[in-house]
């Protein structure tokens, strides 16, 4: 039976990564977290102290060695051989990653790598422009969203559990700003693909969201 290419898009905090990882584990597919790839570049940009130099950031994207190792339902992220799984999830990285992702040379570099990773199928890839730009011919396209308030609360709980002190209202404002940046950027903006299925997770559990997507995948498999 053909292995599907599954694209999951949506704004920050909608649950894309969590849902996509569980789905990939259930289907025995590979999971590709494109957000982690951009976070890896943002992390290296901070370490290289070139935040205001788009040319230097583009060079980082061209030369960076990003490794995504998926297993047991979890993804380990490596940048140039270093495990940065935890380091790329800090508030410092979150604040700049949207701006980094707007740089065309960065997106061009990641586009080539992401399409190569998708290969011959059997993959769940999540991000902001997967169904519209990276994998426009994906077999299943999902647009996962939730209210801004719900997304901010989820991110607040996640960061608090990791020991970070964050203000919920400030976090909500940051998410609103990131939504604006992602949806209004000139190159490959965050939009729902015309053939994507919208799933609002505001009142859904992670398991309910996974079940809904699994059903769509099973229906698609029966047609190919």
N, C-alpha and C. Protein backbone atom coordinates (compact mmCIF):
# COMPACT_ATOMS: atom_id res chain seq x y z
N UNK A 1 0.84 -1.20 0.00
CA UNK A 1 0.00 0.00 0.00
C UNK A 1 0.87 1.24 0.00
N UNK A 2 0.48 2.23 -0.78
CA UNK A 2 1.26 3.46 -0.88
C UNK A 2 1.37 4.17 0.46
N UNK A 3 2.58 4.67 0.74
CA UNK A 3 2.78 5.48 1.94
C UNK A 3 2.50 6.94 1.60
N UNK A 4 1.69 7.57 2.41
CA UNK A 4 1.23 8.91 2.12
C UNK A 4 2.26 9.99 2.49
N UNK A 5 2.09 11.15 1.86
CA UNK A 5 2.78 12.36 2.28
C UNK A 5 1.72 13.22 2.95
N UNK A 6 1.92 13.53 4.23
CA UNK A 6 0.92 14.26 5.02
C UNK A 6 1.49 15.61 5.43
N UNK A 7 0.79 16.67 5.09
CA UNK A 7 1.22 18.04 5.40
C UNK A 7 0.28 18.64 6.44
N UNK A 8 0.86 19.14 7.53
CA UNK A 8 0.07 19.77 8.58
C UNK A 8 0.58 21.19 8.79
N UNK A 9 -0.26 22.17 8.50
CA UNK A 9 0.09 23.57 8.67
C UNK A 9 -0.75 24.19 9.77
N UNK A 10 -0.32 25.38 10.21
CA UNK A 10 -1.10 26.11 11.20
C UNK A 10 -0.23 27.06 11.98
N UNK A 11 -0.85 27.94 12.75
CA UNK A 11 -0.12 28.94 13.53
C UNK A 11 0.54 28.35 14.76
N UNK A 12 1.37 29.18 15.42
CA UNK A 12 2.09 28.76 16.62
C UNK A 12 1.11 28.36 17.73
N UNK A 13 1.40 27.24 18.39
CA UNK A 13 0.60 26.83 19.53
C UNK A 13 -0.67 26.07 19.20
N UNK A 14 -0.86 25.74 17.92
CA UNK A 14 -2.08 25.02 17.53
C UNK A 14 -2.01 23.53 17.84
N UNK A 15 -0.81 23.05 18.21
CA UNK A 15 -0.63 21.63 18.53
C UNK A 15 -0.06 20.82 17.39
N UNK A 16 0.47 21.49 16.37
CA UNK A 16 0.95 20.78 15.17
C UNK A 16 2.00 19.71 15.49
N UNK A 17 3.03 20.12 16.22
CA UNK A 17 4.14 19.20 16.48
C UNK A 17 3.70 17.99 17.28
N UNK A 18 2.91 18.23 18.33
CA UNK A 18 2.45 17.13 19.17
C UNK A 18 1.57 16.17 18.38
N UNK A 19 0.61 16.72 17.65
CA UNK A 19 -0.29 15.90 16.85
C UNK A 19 0.47 15.15 15.76
N UNK A 20 1.37 15.85 15.08
CA UNK A 20 2.12 15.23 13.98
C UNK A 20 3.00 14.09 14.47
N UNK A 21 3.63 14.27 15.63
CA UNK A 21 4.49 13.20 16.16
C UNK A 21 3.69 11.96 16.53
N UNK A 22 2.56 12.16 17.18
CA UNK A 22 1.72 11.01 17.55
C UNK A 22 1.19 10.31 16.30
N UNK A 23 0.77 11.12 15.32
CA UNK A 23 0.26 10.55 14.07
C UNK A 23 1.34 9.74 13.36
N UNK A 24 2.54 10.29 13.27
CA UNK A 24 3.64 9.58 12.60
C UNK A 24 3.96 8.27 13.32
N UNK A 25 3.95 8.32 14.63
CA UNK A 25 4.22 7.11 15.42
C UNK A 25 3.15 6.05 15.17
N UNK A 26 1.91 6.49 15.10
CA UNK A 26 0.79 5.56 14.88
C UNK A 26 0.85 4.92 13.50
N UNK A 27 1.23 5.72 12.49
CA UNK A 27 1.27 5.23 11.12
C UNK A 27 2.60 4.57 10.76
N UNK A 28 3.56 4.63 11.69
CA UNK A 28 4.93 4.15 11.41
C UNK A 28 5.57 4.94 10.28
N UNK A 29 5.34 6.23 10.30
CA UNK A 29 5.91 7.15 9.31
C UNK A 29 7.03 7.95 9.96
N UNK A 30 7.80 8.65 9.14
CA UNK A 30 8.81 9.56 9.65
C UNK A 30 8.16 10.92 9.91
N UNK A 31 8.61 11.60 10.94
CA UNK A 31 8.09 12.92 11.28
C UNK A 31 9.16 13.98 11.03
N UNK A 32 8.78 15.04 10.32
CA UNK A 32 9.71 16.13 10.03
C UNK A 32 9.15 17.43 10.58
N UNK A 33 9.82 17.96 11.59
CA UNK A 33 9.42 19.20 12.25
C UNK A 33 10.15 20.37 11.59
N UNK A 34 9.51 21.01 10.62
CA UNK A 34 10.19 22.10 9.91
C UNK A 34 10.38 23.31 10.81
N UNK A 35 9.49 23.48 11.80
CA UNK A 35 9.67 24.57 12.74
C UNK A 35 10.96 24.45 13.50
N UNK A 36 11.33 23.20 13.84
CA UNK A 36 12.60 22.96 14.54
C UNK A 36 13.79 23.34 13.66
N UNK A 37 13.63 23.18 12.35
CA UNK A 37 14.71 23.54 11.44
C UNK A 37 14.95 25.05 11.46
N UNK A 38 13.86 25.82 11.42
CA UNK A 38 14.00 27.28 11.49
C UNK A 38 14.50 27.71 12.87
N UNK A 39 14.07 27.01 13.89
CA UNK A 39 14.56 27.31 15.23
C UNK A 39 16.05 27.02 15.34
N UNK A 40 16.50 25.99 14.65
CA UNK A 40 17.93 25.68 14.65
C UNK A 40 18.74 26.82 14.05
N UNK A 41 18.23 27.39 12.97
CA UNK A 41 18.90 28.53 12.34
C UNK A 41 18.86 29.74 13.27
N UNK A 42 17.71 29.97 13.91
CA UNK A 42 17.59 31.09 14.85
C UNK A 42 18.56 30.93 16.01
N UNK A 43 18.67 29.72 16.52
CA UNK A 43 19.60 29.44 17.63
C UNK A 43 21.04 29.73 17.21
N UNK A 44 21.42 29.27 16.02
CA UNK A 44 22.78 29.51 15.57
C UNK A 44 23.02 30.99 15.26
N UNK A 45 21.98 31.69 14.81
CA UNK A 45 22.09 33.13 14.57
C UNK A 45 22.41 33.87 15.86
N UNK A 46 21.72 33.47 16.93
CA UNK A 46 21.98 34.09 18.24
C UNK A 46 23.42 33.80 18.68
N UNK A 47 23.83 32.54 18.55
CA UNK A 47 25.17 32.15 18.97
C UNK A 47 26.24 32.85 18.14
N UNK A 48 25.91 33.14 16.87
CA UNK A 48 26.88 33.79 15.98
C UNK A 48 26.84 35.31 16.08
N UNK A 49 25.86 35.83 16.83
CA UNK A 49 25.71 37.27 17.05
C UNK A 49 25.61 38.04 15.73
N UNK A 50 24.69 37.58 14.85
CA UNK A 50 24.51 38.26 13.55
C UNK A 50 23.03 38.56 13.32
N UNK A 51 22.32 38.92 14.40
CA UNK A 51 20.88 39.11 14.34
C UNK A 51 20.42 40.13 13.31
N UNK A 52 21.22 41.12 13.03
CA UNK A 52 20.81 42.19 12.12
C UNK A 52 21.46 42.09 10.75
N UNK A 53 22.00 40.94 10.43
CA UNK A 53 22.72 40.76 9.17
C UNK A 53 22.06 39.65 8.35
N UNK A 54 21.15 40.03 7.44
CA UNK A 54 20.41 39.02 6.65
C UNK A 54 21.32 38.18 5.78
N UNK A 55 22.37 38.78 5.24
CA UNK A 55 23.31 38.03 4.41
C UNK A 55 23.99 36.94 5.24
N UNK A 56 24.44 37.30 6.43
CA UNK A 56 25.10 36.33 7.31
C UNK A 56 24.13 35.22 7.73
N UNK A 57 22.88 35.60 7.99
CA UNK A 57 21.88 34.60 8.38
C UNK A 57 21.59 33.66 7.22
N UNK A 58 21.53 34.22 6.01
CA UNK A 58 21.35 33.38 4.82
C UNK A 58 22.50 32.41 4.64
N UNK A 59 23.71 32.86 4.93
CA UNK A 59 24.88 31.99 4.83
C UNK A 59 24.82 30.87 5.87
N UNK A 60 24.31 31.20 7.06
CA UNK A 60 24.13 30.17 8.09
C UNK A 60 23.18 29.09 7.59
N UNK A 61 22.06 29.52 6.98
CA UNK A 61 21.07 28.57 6.47
C UNK A 61 21.64 27.68 5.38
N UNK A 62 22.52 28.24 4.55
CA UNK A 62 23.14 27.47 3.47
C UNK A 62 24.12 26.43 4.01
N UNK A 63 24.85 26.80 5.07
CA UNK A 63 25.94 25.95 5.55
C UNK A 63 25.59 25.07 6.73
N UNK A 64 24.47 25.35 7.39
CA UNK A 64 24.13 24.63 8.62
C UNK A 64 23.87 23.15 8.36
N UNK A 65 24.23 22.34 9.31
CA UNK A 65 23.97 20.90 9.24
C UNK A 65 22.89 20.57 10.27
N UNK A 66 21.65 20.40 9.81
CA UNK A 66 20.53 20.12 10.70
C UNK A 66 20.16 18.64 10.61
N UNK A 67 20.09 18.01 11.76
CA UNK A 67 19.70 16.61 11.81
C UNK A 67 18.45 16.43 12.66
N UNK A 68 17.45 15.76 12.13
CA UNK A 68 16.23 15.46 12.88
C UNK A 68 16.15 13.95 13.05
N UNK A 69 16.32 13.49 14.27
CA UNK A 69 16.28 12.06 14.54
C UNK A 69 14.99 11.72 15.27
N UNK A 70 14.09 11.03 14.56
CA UNK A 70 12.78 10.71 15.11
C UNK A 70 12.72 9.25 15.52
N UNK A 71 12.28 9.03 16.77
CA UNK A 71 12.15 7.66 17.26
C UNK A 71 11.42 7.64 18.59
N UNK A 72 10.65 6.59 18.82
CA UNK A 72 9.88 6.45 20.06
C UNK A 72 8.96 7.63 20.30
N UNK A 73 8.45 8.20 19.19
CA UNK A 73 7.50 9.30 19.31
C UNK A 73 8.11 10.64 19.66
N UNK A 74 9.43 10.75 19.62
CA UNK A 74 10.09 12.00 19.95
C UNK A 74 11.12 12.36 18.88
N UNK A 75 11.37 13.67 18.73
CA UNK A 75 12.36 14.15 17.78
C UNK A 75 13.51 14.80 18.51
N UNK A 76 14.73 14.36 18.18
CA UNK A 76 15.94 14.98 18.70
C UNK A 76 16.52 15.84 17.59
N UNK A 77 16.83 17.09 17.91
CA UNK A 77 17.32 18.04 16.91
C UNK A 77 18.80 18.30 17.11
N UNK A 78 19.55 18.16 16.03
CA UNK A 78 20.99 18.41 16.07
C UNK A 78 21.33 19.56 15.13
N UNK A 79 22.18 20.45 15.59
CA UNK A 79 22.75 21.51 14.74
C UNK A 79 24.25 21.36 14.75
N UNK A 80 24.79 21.07 13.58
CA UNK A 80 26.24 20.85 13.44
C UNK A 80 26.75 19.83 14.44
N UNK A 81 25.95 18.78 14.63
CA UNK A 81 26.35 17.68 15.50
C UNK A 81 26.03 17.85 16.97
N UNK A 82 25.50 18.99 17.36
CA UNK A 82 25.18 19.26 18.77
C UNK A 82 23.69 19.10 19.01
N UNK A 83 23.34 18.40 20.07
CA UNK A 83 21.93 18.22 20.44
C UNK A 83 21.41 19.54 21.01
N UNK A 84 20.48 20.17 20.27
CA UNK A 84 19.93 21.46 20.69
C UNK A 84 18.42 21.36 20.92
N UNK A 85 17.93 20.16 21.14
CA UNK A 85 16.49 19.93 21.27
C UNK A 85 15.84 20.87 22.29
N UNK A 86 16.47 21.02 23.43
CA UNK A 86 15.92 21.90 24.47
C UNK A 86 16.25 23.36 24.20
N UNK A 87 17.45 23.61 23.71
CA UNK A 87 17.91 24.99 23.53
C UNK A 87 17.11 25.78 22.49
N UNK A 88 16.56 25.10 21.49
CA UNK A 88 15.81 25.81 20.45
C UNK A 88 14.39 26.14 20.88
N UNK A 89 13.99 25.69 22.07
CA UNK A 89 12.62 25.93 22.55
C UNK A 89 12.57 27.03 23.62
N UNK A 90 13.63 27.79 23.75
CA UNK A 90 13.65 28.86 24.74
C UNK A 90 12.86 30.07 24.25
N UNK A 91 12.38 30.91 25.16
CA UNK A 91 11.68 32.14 24.75
C UNK A 91 12.54 33.02 23.86
N UNK A 92 13.85 33.04 24.09
CA UNK A 92 14.76 33.87 23.29
C UNK A 92 14.71 33.48 21.82
N UNK A 93 14.72 32.18 21.56
CA UNK A 93 14.63 31.70 20.18
C UNK A 93 13.24 31.95 19.62
N UNK A 94 12.21 31.72 20.42
CA UNK A 94 10.83 31.91 19.97
C UNK A 94 10.57 33.34 19.51
N UNK A 95 11.21 34.30 20.16
CA UNK A 95 10.97 35.70 19.84
C UNK A 95 11.51 36.10 18.47
N UNK A 96 12.53 35.41 17.97
CA UNK A 96 13.13 35.83 16.70
C UNK A 96 12.89 34.88 15.54
N UNK A 97 12.37 33.67 15.81
CA UNK A 97 12.31 32.66 14.76
C UNK A 97 11.40 33.09 13.60
N UNK A 98 10.31 33.81 13.90
CA UNK A 98 9.42 34.24 12.82
C UNK A 98 10.13 35.21 11.87
N UNK A 99 10.94 36.11 12.43
CA UNK A 99 11.68 37.05 11.59
C UNK A 99 12.73 36.33 10.75
N UNK A 100 13.40 35.36 11.36
CA UNK A 100 14.39 34.56 10.62
C UNK A 100 13.73 33.83 9.46
N UNK A 101 12.54 33.30 9.72
CA UNK A 101 11.83 32.51 8.71
C UNK A 101 11.31 33.35 7.56
N UNK A 102 11.30 34.67 7.71
CA UNK A 102 10.84 35.54 6.63
C UNK A 102 11.91 35.80 5.58
N UNK A 103 13.15 35.48 5.91
CA UNK A 103 14.27 35.76 5.00
C UNK A 103 14.23 34.76 3.84
N UNK A 104 14.14 35.25 2.63
CA UNK A 104 13.95 34.38 1.46
C UNK A 104 15.08 33.38 1.28
N UNK A 105 16.32 33.81 1.49
CA UNK A 105 17.46 32.89 1.32
C UNK A 105 17.40 31.75 2.33
N UNK A 106 16.86 32.04 3.51
CA UNK A 106 16.69 31.00 4.53
C UNK A 106 15.62 30.00 4.09
N UNK A 107 14.48 30.51 3.62
CA UNK A 107 13.40 29.63 3.20
C UNK A 107 13.80 28.81 1.96
N UNK A 108 14.56 29.42 1.06
CA UNK A 108 15.02 28.69 -0.13
C UNK A 108 15.89 27.50 0.27
N UNK A 109 16.78 27.72 1.23
CA UNK A 109 17.67 26.65 1.68
C UNK A 109 16.89 25.53 2.34
N UNK A 110 15.91 25.90 3.17
CA UNK A 110 15.13 24.90 3.88
C UNK A 110 14.17 24.17 2.94
N UNK A 111 13.67 24.87 1.92
CA UNK A 111 12.76 24.25 0.96
C UNK A 111 13.42 23.04 0.29
N UNK A 112 14.64 23.22 -0.17
CA UNK A 112 15.36 22.12 -0.83
C UNK A 112 15.54 20.94 0.12
N UNK A 113 15.93 21.25 1.35
CA UNK A 113 16.17 20.19 2.33
C UNK A 113 14.88 19.48 2.71
N UNK A 114 13.81 20.22 2.88
CA UNK A 114 12.53 19.63 3.28
C UNK A 114 11.95 18.74 2.19
N UNK A 115 12.05 19.16 0.95
CA UNK A 115 11.55 18.33 -0.14
C UNK A 115 12.36 17.05 -0.28
N UNK A 116 13.65 17.16 -0.03
CA UNK A 116 14.51 15.97 -0.07
C UNK A 116 14.13 15.01 1.05
N UNK A 117 13.83 15.55 2.22
CA UNK A 117 13.45 14.72 3.37
C UNK A 117 12.15 13.98 3.12
N UNK A 118 11.23 14.63 2.39
CA UNK A 118 9.93 14.00 2.13
C UNK A 118 10.07 12.77 1.26
N UNK A 119 11.08 12.82 0.39
CA UNK A 119 11.43 11.66 -0.43
C UNK A 119 10.27 10.97 -1.10
N UNK A 120 10.14 9.68 -0.82
CA UNK A 120 9.15 8.84 -1.50
C UNK A 120 7.89 8.63 -0.68
N UNK A 121 7.69 9.43 0.35
CA UNK A 121 6.47 9.30 1.13
C UNK A 121 6.70 8.67 2.49
N UNK A 122 5.60 8.31 3.14
CA UNK A 122 5.70 7.77 4.48
C UNK A 122 6.19 8.82 5.45
N UNK A 123 5.67 10.05 5.29
CA UNK A 123 6.17 11.16 6.10
C UNK A 123 5.03 12.07 6.55
N UNK A 124 5.17 12.58 7.77
CA UNK A 124 4.28 13.62 8.29
C UNK A 124 5.15 14.85 8.49
N UNK A 125 4.84 15.93 7.79
CA UNK A 125 5.63 17.16 7.89
C UNK A 125 4.74 18.29 8.34
N UNK A 126 5.19 19.03 9.35
CA UNK A 126 4.38 20.15 9.81
C UNK A 126 5.16 21.46 9.73
N UNK A 127 4.39 22.57 9.60
CA UNK A 127 5.02 23.88 9.48
C UNK A 127 4.00 24.96 9.20
N UNK A 128 4.43 25.95 8.42
CA UNK A 128 3.57 27.09 8.09
C UNK A 128 3.13 27.10 6.62
N UNK A 129 3.96 26.51 5.76
CA UNK A 129 3.68 26.58 4.31
C UNK A 129 3.88 25.23 3.62
N UNK A 130 3.65 24.15 4.36
CA UNK A 130 3.92 22.83 3.81
C UNK A 130 2.95 22.48 2.69
N UNK A 131 1.65 22.62 2.96
CA UNK A 131 0.65 22.27 1.96
C UNK A 131 0.56 23.23 0.80
N UNK A 132 0.98 24.48 1.02
CA UNK A 132 0.86 25.49 -0.03
C UNK A 132 2.13 25.64 -0.85
N UNK A 133 3.29 25.38 -0.25
CA UNK A 133 4.55 25.70 -0.93
C UNK A 133 5.56 24.55 -0.94
N UNK A 134 5.81 23.96 0.21
CA UNK A 134 6.85 22.93 0.29
C UNK A 134 6.40 21.64 -0.39
N UNK A 135 5.21 21.16 -0.03
CA UNK A 135 4.68 19.90 -0.58
C UNK A 135 3.26 20.12 -1.13
N UNK A 136 3.14 20.91 -2.20
CA UNK A 136 1.81 21.23 -2.72
C UNK A 136 1.04 20.02 -3.24
N UNK A 137 1.74 18.91 -3.50
CA UNK A 137 1.08 17.71 -3.99
C UNK A 137 0.92 16.65 -2.90
N UNK A 138 0.98 17.08 -1.64
CA UNK A 138 0.80 16.14 -0.53
C UNK A 138 -0.53 15.40 -0.64
N UNK A 139 -0.55 14.15 -0.20
CA UNK A 139 -1.76 13.33 -0.29
C UNK A 139 -2.84 13.80 0.68
N UNK A 140 -2.42 14.25 1.86
CA UNK A 140 -3.35 14.72 2.88
C UNK A 140 -2.84 16.07 3.39
N UNK A 141 -3.73 17.07 3.40
CA UNK A 141 -3.36 18.39 3.90
C UNK A 141 -4.31 18.79 5.03
N UNK A 142 -3.70 19.20 6.13
CA UNK A 142 -4.46 19.61 7.30
C UNK A 142 -4.05 21.03 7.69
N UNK A 143 -5.04 21.86 8.05
CA UNK A 143 -4.72 23.17 8.62
C UNK A 143 -5.24 23.14 10.04
N UNK A 144 -4.30 23.10 10.98
CA UNK A 144 -4.63 22.97 12.40
C UNK A 144 -4.58 24.35 13.06
N UNK A 145 -5.63 24.71 13.77
CA UNK A 145 -5.65 26.03 14.41
C UNK A 145 -6.32 25.93 15.77
N UNK A 146 -6.34 27.07 16.47
CA UNK A 146 -7.02 27.19 17.76
C UNK A 146 -7.09 28.68 18.07
N UNK A 147 -7.90 29.06 19.04
CA UNK A 147 -8.00 30.47 19.39
C UNK A 147 -6.66 30.97 19.93
N UNK A 148 -6.42 32.27 19.80
CA UNK A 148 -5.17 32.85 20.30
C UNK A 148 -5.05 32.63 21.81
N UNK A 149 -6.15 32.82 22.53
CA UNK A 149 -6.14 32.63 23.97
C UNK A 149 -5.73 31.21 24.34
N UNK A 150 -6.28 30.23 23.66
CA UNK A 150 -5.97 28.83 23.95
C UNK A 150 -4.52 28.52 23.60
N UNK A 151 -4.05 29.04 22.49
CA UNK A 151 -2.66 28.79 22.08
C UNK A 151 -1.67 29.41 23.05
N UNK A 152 -1.98 30.61 23.53
CA UNK A 152 -1.11 31.27 24.50
C UNK A 152 -1.06 30.49 25.82
N UNK A 153 -2.20 29.99 26.26
CA UNK A 153 -2.25 29.23 27.50
C UNK A 153 -1.47 27.92 27.37
N UNK A 154 -1.56 27.29 26.22
CA UNK A 154 -0.80 26.06 25.99
C UNK A 154 0.70 26.33 26.05
N UNK A 155 1.13 27.38 25.38
CA UNK A 155 2.55 27.72 25.37
C UNK A 155 3.03 28.12 26.76
N UNK A 156 2.16 28.84 27.50
CA UNK A 156 2.50 29.24 28.87
C UNK A 156 2.72 28.00 29.74
N UNK A 157 1.82 27.03 29.65
CA UNK A 157 1.96 25.81 30.45
C UNK A 157 3.23 25.06 30.07
N UNK A 158 3.49 24.98 28.78
CA UNK A 158 4.68 24.28 28.30
C UNK A 158 5.96 24.91 28.85
N UNK A 159 6.07 26.22 28.76
CA UNK A 159 7.27 26.92 29.22
C UNK A 159 7.39 26.91 30.74
N UNK A 160 6.26 27.05 31.41
CA UNK A 160 6.27 27.02 32.88
C UNK A 160 6.76 25.67 33.39
N UNK A 161 6.28 24.60 32.75
CA UNK A 161 6.71 23.25 33.15
C UNK A 161 8.19 23.04 32.94
N UNK A 162 8.78 23.80 32.01
CA UNK A 162 10.22 23.68 31.74
C UNK A 162 11.05 24.61 32.62
N UNK A 163 10.35 25.36 33.48
CA UNK A 163 11.07 26.21 34.42
C UNK A 163 11.24 27.66 33.99
N UNK A 164 10.66 28.05 32.86
CA UNK A 164 10.77 29.44 32.41
C UNK A 164 9.68 30.28 33.08
N UNK A 165 10.03 31.52 33.44
CA UNK A 165 9.06 32.46 33.98
C UNK A 165 8.56 33.35 32.85
N UNK A 166 7.30 33.18 32.47
CA UNK A 166 6.73 33.94 31.36
C UNK A 166 5.40 34.54 31.77
N UNK A 167 5.11 35.70 31.20
CA UNK A 167 3.85 36.39 31.46
C UNK A 167 2.84 35.98 30.40
N UNK A 168 1.67 35.53 30.82
CA UNK A 168 0.67 35.02 29.89
C UNK A 168 0.21 36.09 28.91
N UNK A 169 -0.03 37.29 29.40
CA UNK A 169 -0.49 38.36 28.52
C UNK A 169 0.56 38.72 27.48
N UNK A 170 1.82 38.79 27.91
CA UNK A 170 2.91 39.08 26.98
C UNK A 170 3.04 37.97 25.94
N UNK A 171 2.85 36.74 26.39
CA UNK A 171 2.93 35.60 25.49
C UNK A 171 1.83 35.66 24.44
N UNK A 172 0.64 36.07 24.87
CA UNK A 172 -0.47 36.21 23.93
C UNK A 172 -0.17 37.28 22.87
N UNK A 173 0.45 38.38 23.30
CA UNK A 173 0.82 39.45 22.37
C UNK A 173 1.89 38.96 21.40
N UNK A 174 2.84 38.18 21.89
CA UNK A 174 3.89 37.64 21.03
C UNK A 174 3.31 36.71 19.97
N UNK A 175 2.35 35.89 20.37
CA UNK A 175 1.72 34.96 19.43
C UNK A 175 0.93 35.72 18.38
N UNK A 176 0.24 36.78 18.79
CA UNK A 176 -0.51 37.61 17.85
C UNK A 176 0.45 38.26 16.84
N UNK A 177 1.58 38.73 17.33
CA UNK A 177 2.58 39.36 16.45
C UNK A 177 3.16 38.33 15.49
N UNK A 178 3.40 37.13 16.00
CA UNK A 178 3.96 36.08 15.13
C UNK A 178 2.94 35.67 14.07
N UNK A 179 1.68 35.57 14.44
CA UNK A 179 0.63 35.26 13.45
C UNK A 179 0.64 36.30 12.33
N UNK A 180 0.76 37.56 12.72
CA UNK A 180 0.76 38.66 11.75
C UNK A 180 1.97 38.55 10.83
N UNK A 181 3.15 38.31 11.41
CA UNK A 181 4.36 38.18 10.61
C UNK A 181 4.26 37.00 9.65
N UNK A 182 3.79 35.87 10.17
CA UNK A 182 3.73 34.65 9.35
C UNK A 182 2.72 34.78 8.21
N UNK A 183 1.59 35.42 8.48
CA UNK A 183 0.53 35.49 7.46
C UNK A 183 0.73 36.62 6.47
N UNK A 184 1.53 37.63 6.85
CA UNK A 184 1.72 38.78 5.96
C UNK A 184 3.07 38.80 5.25
N UNK A 185 3.93 37.82 5.52
CA UNK A 185 5.23 37.85 4.86
C UNK A 185 5.06 37.67 3.36
N UNK A 186 5.95 38.26 2.61
CA UNK A 186 5.83 38.27 1.15
C UNK A 186 6.04 36.90 0.54
N UNK A 187 6.95 36.12 1.11
CA UNK A 187 7.33 34.85 0.52
C UNK A 187 6.76 33.69 1.34
N UNK A 188 5.95 32.85 0.70
CA UNK A 188 5.36 31.65 1.32
C UNK A 188 4.69 31.95 2.66
N UNK A 189 3.66 32.80 2.67
CA UNK A 189 2.99 33.14 3.92
C UNK A 189 2.16 31.99 4.49
N UNK A 190 1.79 32.13 5.74
CA UNK A 190 0.93 31.15 6.39
C UNK A 190 -0.51 31.37 5.93
N UNK A 191 -1.00 30.45 5.12
CA UNK A 191 -2.40 30.47 4.69
C UNK A 191 -2.87 29.03 4.58
N UNK A 192 -4.17 28.84 4.64
CA UNK A 192 -4.72 27.50 4.49
C UNK A 192 -4.79 27.14 3.01
N UNK A 193 -4.22 26.00 2.65
CA UNK A 193 -4.30 25.53 1.26
C UNK A 193 -5.76 25.30 0.90
N UNK A 194 -6.10 25.54 -0.35
CA UNK A 194 -7.49 25.43 -0.79
C UNK A 194 -8.05 24.02 -0.61
N UNK A 195 -7.16 23.02 -0.64
CA UNK A 195 -7.61 21.63 -0.49
C UNK A 195 -7.26 21.03 0.87
N UNK A 196 -6.95 21.90 1.83
CA UNK A 196 -6.64 21.42 3.18
C UNK A 196 -7.91 21.33 4.02
N UNK A 197 -7.92 20.39 4.94
CA UNK A 197 -9.04 20.22 5.87
C UNK A 197 -8.74 21.03 7.13
N UNK A 198 -9.65 21.91 7.51
CA UNK A 198 -9.49 22.74 8.70
C UNK A 198 -9.92 21.96 9.94
N UNK A 199 -9.03 21.92 10.94
CA UNK A 199 -9.35 21.30 12.21
C UNK A 199 -9.02 22.30 13.32
N UNK A 200 -10.05 22.75 14.05
CA UNK A 200 -9.89 23.69 15.15
C UNK A 200 -9.75 22.90 16.44
N UNK A 201 -8.59 23.03 17.10
CA UNK A 201 -8.31 22.22 18.29
C UNK A 201 -8.62 22.95 19.60
N UNK A 202 -9.29 24.11 19.50
CA UNK A 202 -9.57 24.89 20.71
C UNK A 202 -10.25 24.05 21.78
N UNK A 203 -11.21 23.26 21.37
CA UNK A 203 -11.97 22.44 22.33
C UNK A 203 -11.70 20.95 22.16
N UNK A 204 -10.67 20.62 21.36
CA UNK A 204 -10.34 19.21 21.15
C UNK A 204 -9.13 18.80 21.99
N UNK A 205 -9.12 17.56 22.42
CA UNK A 205 -7.92 17.01 23.05
C UNK A 205 -6.95 16.62 21.94
N UNK A 206 -5.71 16.42 22.31
CA UNK A 206 -4.70 15.98 21.34
C UNK A 206 -5.16 14.68 20.70
N UNK A 207 -5.66 13.77 21.51
CA UNK A 207 -6.08 12.47 21.00
C UNK A 207 -7.23 12.61 20.00
N UNK A 208 -8.16 13.50 20.28
CA UNK A 208 -9.29 13.71 19.37
C UNK A 208 -8.82 14.28 18.03
N UNK A 209 -7.84 15.17 18.08
CA UNK A 209 -7.28 15.73 16.84
C UNK A 209 -6.56 14.65 16.04
N UNK A 210 -5.81 13.81 16.72
CA UNK A 210 -5.10 12.71 16.05
C UNK A 210 -6.09 11.75 15.42
N UNK A 211 -7.15 11.43 16.13
CA UNK A 211 -8.16 10.50 15.61
C UNK A 211 -8.80 11.06 14.35
N UNK A 212 -9.09 12.35 14.34
CA UNK A 212 -9.72 12.97 13.17
C UNK A 212 -8.81 12.91 11.96
N UNK A 213 -7.52 13.16 12.16
CA UNK A 213 -6.58 13.13 11.04
C UNK A 213 -6.31 11.70 10.58
N UNK A 214 -6.24 10.78 11.53
CA UNK A 214 -6.04 9.37 11.18
C UNK A 214 -7.18 8.88 10.29
N UNK A 215 -8.40 9.28 10.62
CA UNK A 215 -9.55 8.88 9.81
C UNK A 215 -9.43 9.42 8.39
N UNK A 216 -8.99 10.67 8.25
CA UNK A 216 -8.80 11.26 6.93
C UNK A 216 -7.72 10.51 6.15
N UNK A 217 -6.66 10.11 6.83
CA UNK A 217 -5.58 9.38 6.18
C UNK A 217 -6.05 8.01 5.69
N UNK A 218 -6.84 7.35 6.53
CA UNK A 218 -7.36 6.04 6.14
C UNK A 218 -8.28 6.15 4.93
N UNK A 219 -9.07 7.21 4.89
CA UNK A 219 -9.95 7.43 3.75
C UNK A 219 -9.14 7.69 2.48
N UNK A 220 -8.06 8.45 2.64
CA UNK A 220 -7.21 8.75 1.50
C UNK A 220 -6.49 7.51 0.98
N UNK A 221 -6.04 6.67 1.91
CA UNK A 221 -5.34 5.44 1.53
C UNK A 221 -6.24 4.55 0.67
N UNK A 222 -7.53 4.55 0.98
CA UNK A 222 -8.46 3.69 0.25
C UNK A 222 -8.67 4.16 -1.18
N UNK A 223 -8.23 5.40 -1.47
CA UNK A 223 -8.44 5.96 -2.80
C UNK A 223 -7.20 5.89 -3.67
N UNK A 224 -6.06 5.55 -3.08
CA UNK A 224 -4.81 5.53 -3.87
C UNK A 224 -4.29 4.12 -4.03
